[in-house]
Amino acid sequence: METLIVHPDNKEQLDALKAFMKAFKISFEENKSVYDPEFVAKIQKSRVQVKNGETRTVNISDL
């Protein structure tokens, strides 16, 4: 069978999805991140900035 990865936007959606899957006896796993969500958001923002070329280079002698 297939595996689906869903990304609910909020707790309400998450709870609804869990209830739906339980009602239809669909097995699922919960993968809770060990990282702080704020930290993850900062890293994702930084990756977008790098992708968009919003970076700067610092010479070692300037440190």
N, C-alpha and C. Protein backbone atom coordinates (compact mmCIF):
# COMPACT_ATOMS: atom_id res chain seq x y z
N MET A 1 0.83 -1.18 0.00
CA MET A 1 0.00 0.00 0.00
C MET A 1 0.88 1.24 0.00
N GLU A 2 0.29 2.39 -0.01
CA GLU A 2 1.01 3.66 -0.03
C GLU A 2 1.12 4.25 1.37
N THR A 3 2.09 5.12 1.53
CA THR A 3 2.24 5.88 2.76
C THR A 3 1.97 7.34 2.45
N LEU A 4 1.16 7.97 3.28
CA LEU A 4 0.84 9.39 3.11
C LEU A 4 1.48 10.18 4.24
N ILE A 5 2.01 11.32 3.90
CA ILE A 5 2.53 12.24 4.92
C ILE A 5 1.67 13.49 4.84
N VAL A 6 1.02 13.83 5.94
CA VAL A 6 0.13 14.99 5.96
C VAL A 6 0.73 16.07 6.85
N HIS A 7 0.39 17.30 6.56
CA HIS A 7 0.91 18.44 7.32
C HIS A 7 -0.26 19.32 7.75
N PRO A 8 -0.93 18.97 8.84
CA PRO A 8 -2.02 19.82 9.31
C PRO A 8 -1.48 21.18 9.75
N ASP A 9 -2.30 22.21 9.55
CA ASP A 9 -1.88 23.57 9.87
C ASP A 9 -2.06 23.93 11.34
N ASN A 10 -2.90 23.17 12.03
CA ASN A 10 -3.14 23.50 13.43
C ASN A 10 -3.61 22.26 14.19
N LYS A 11 -3.75 22.39 15.50
CA LYS A 11 -4.13 21.26 16.35
C LYS A 11 -5.53 20.75 16.01
N GLU A 12 -6.42 21.63 15.64
CA GLU A 12 -7.79 21.22 15.28
C GLU A 12 -7.77 20.25 14.10
N GLN A 13 -7.00 20.58 13.08
CA GLN A 13 -6.89 19.71 11.91
C GLN A 13 -6.23 18.38 12.30
N LEU A 14 -5.21 18.46 13.12
CA LEU A 14 -4.53 17.24 13.57
C LEU A 14 -5.49 16.32 14.31
N ASP A 15 -6.25 16.88 15.24
CA ASP A 15 -7.21 16.09 16.00
C ASP A 15 -8.27 15.47 15.08
N ALA A 16 -8.74 16.23 14.10
CA ALA A 16 -9.75 15.73 13.16
C ALA A 16 -9.18 14.57 12.33
N LEU A 17 -7.95 14.72 11.88
CA LEU A 17 -7.33 13.65 11.10
C LEU A 17 -7.15 12.38 11.93
N LYS A 18 -6.71 12.54 13.16
CA LYS A 18 -6.55 11.38 14.04
C LYS A 18 -7.88 10.69 14.28
N ALA A 19 -8.93 11.46 14.54
CA ALA A 19 -10.26 10.89 14.77
C ALA A 19 -10.75 10.15 13.54
N PHE A 20 -10.55 10.73 12.37
CA PHE A 20 -10.96 10.10 11.12
C PHE A 20 -10.25 8.75 10.92
N MET A 21 -8.94 8.76 11.13
CA MET A 21 -8.17 7.54 10.93
C MET A 21 -8.54 6.47 11.94
N LYS A 22 -8.78 6.87 13.17
CA LYS A 22 -9.21 5.90 14.18
C LYS A 22 -10.58 5.33 13.83
N ALA A 23 -11.50 6.18 13.36
CA ALA A 23 -12.85 5.73 13.01
C ALA A 23 -12.82 4.71 11.87
N PHE A 24 -11.92 4.88 10.93
CA PHE A 24 -11.81 3.97 9.79
C PHE A 24 -10.76 2.88 10.02
N LYS A 25 -10.27 2.79 11.25
CA LYS A 25 -9.29 1.78 11.64
C LYS A 25 -8.07 1.79 10.72
N ILE A 26 -7.59 3.00 10.43
CA ILE A 26 -6.39 3.19 9.63
C ILE A 26 -5.22 3.37 10.61
N SER A 27 -4.22 2.52 10.47
CA SER A 27 -3.08 2.64 11.38
C SER A 27 -2.24 3.86 11.01
N PHE A 28 -1.67 4.49 12.02
CA PHE A 28 -0.83 5.65 11.78
C PHE A 28 0.21 5.76 12.88
N GLU A 29 1.28 6.46 12.57
CA GLU A 29 2.35 6.69 13.53
C GLU A 29 2.46 8.19 13.77
N GLU A 30 2.79 8.53 14.98
CA GLU A 30 3.04 9.94 15.30
C GLU A 30 4.54 10.14 15.39
N ASN A 31 5.02 11.13 14.68
CA ASN A 31 6.45 11.45 14.70
C ASN A 31 6.60 12.84 15.29
N LYS A 32 6.88 12.89 16.56
CA LYS A 32 7.03 14.18 17.22
C LYS A 32 8.48 14.63 17.11
N SER A 33 8.67 15.85 16.66
CA SER A 33 10.01 16.39 16.48
C SER A 33 10.65 16.65 17.83
N VAL A 34 11.93 16.38 17.91
CA VAL A 34 12.67 16.64 19.14
C VAL A 34 13.14 18.09 19.18
N TYR A 35 12.91 18.82 18.10
CA TYR A 35 13.35 20.21 18.02
C TYR A 35 12.21 21.17 18.34
N ASP A 36 12.57 22.29 18.90
CA ASP A 36 11.64 23.36 19.20
C ASP A 36 11.06 23.89 17.88
N PRO A 37 9.74 24.01 17.74
CA PRO A 37 9.15 24.49 16.49
C PRO A 37 9.67 25.87 16.05
N GLU A 38 9.96 26.74 17.00
CA GLU A 38 10.50 28.06 16.65
C GLU A 38 11.89 27.92 16.01
N PHE A 39 12.69 27.02 16.53
CA PHE A 39 14.03 26.77 15.98
C PHE A 39 13.91 26.22 14.56
N VAL A 40 13.01 25.28 14.35
CA VAL A 40 12.80 24.70 13.03
C VAL A 40 12.36 25.78 12.04
N ALA A 41 11.48 26.67 12.47
CA ALA A 41 11.01 27.75 11.60
C ALA A 41 12.16 28.67 11.21
N LYS A 42 13.06 28.97 12.15
CA LYS A 42 14.21 29.82 11.84
C LYS A 42 15.13 29.16 10.81
N ILE A 43 15.36 27.87 10.97
CA ILE A 43 16.21 27.13 10.03
C ILE A 43 15.57 27.13 8.64
N GLN A 44 14.27 26.89 8.58
CA GLN A 44 13.58 26.89 7.28
C GLN A 44 13.65 28.26 6.63
N LYS A 45 13.50 29.32 7.42
CA LYS A 45 13.59 30.67 6.89
C LYS A 45 14.99 30.93 6.34
N SER A 46 16.00 30.47 7.07
CA SER A 46 17.38 30.65 6.63
C SER A 46 17.65 29.91 5.32
N ARG A 47 17.08 28.74 5.17
CA ARG A 47 17.26 27.98 3.93
C ARG A 47 16.65 28.72 2.74
N VAL A 48 15.50 29.34 2.95
CA VAL A 48 14.87 30.12 1.89
C VAL A 48 15.74 31.32 1.53
N GLN A 49 16.30 31.97 2.55
CA GLN A 49 17.18 33.12 2.30
C GLN A 49 18.40 32.72 1.48
N VAL A 50 19.00 31.58 1.79
CA VAL A 50 20.15 31.10 1.04
C VAL A 50 19.74 30.81 -0.40
N LYS A 51 18.61 30.16 -0.56
CA LYS A 51 18.11 29.83 -1.90
C LYS A 51 17.89 31.10 -2.73
N ASN A 52 17.44 32.17 -2.09
CA ASN A 52 17.17 33.44 -2.78
C ASN A 52 18.41 34.32 -2.90
N GLY A 53 19.55 33.82 -2.44
CA GLY A 53 20.80 34.58 -2.54
C GLY A 53 20.91 35.70 -1.53
N GLU A 54 20.15 35.66 -0.47
CA GLU A 54 20.16 36.71 0.55
C GLU A 54 21.20 36.38 1.62
N THR A 55 22.45 36.25 1.19
CA THR A 55 23.53 35.93 2.12
C THR A 55 24.68 36.91 1.91
N ARG A 56 25.62 36.89 2.79
CA ARG A 56 26.81 37.71 2.62
C ARG A 56 28.03 36.89 3.05
N THR A 57 29.16 37.25 2.50
CA THR A 57 30.42 36.58 2.79
C THR A 57 31.25 37.44 3.72
N VAL A 58 31.84 36.83 4.72
CA VAL A 58 32.69 37.53 5.66
C VAL A 58 34.09 36.94 5.55
N ASN A 59 35.08 37.79 5.35
CA ASN A 59 36.46 37.33 5.30
C ASN A 59 36.94 37.01 6.70
N ILE A 60 37.80 36.03 6.81
CA ILE A 60 38.33 35.62 8.12
C ILE A 60 39.05 36.79 8.78
N SER A 61 39.73 37.61 8.00
CA SER A 61 40.47 38.73 8.58
C SER A 61 39.54 39.79 9.18
N ASP A 62 38.27 39.78 8.79
CA ASP A 62 37.30 40.75 9.32
C ASP A 62 36.68 40.29 10.63
N LEU A 63 36.99 39.08 11.05
CA LEU A 63 36.39 38.55 12.29
C LEU A 63 37.10 39.03 13.50
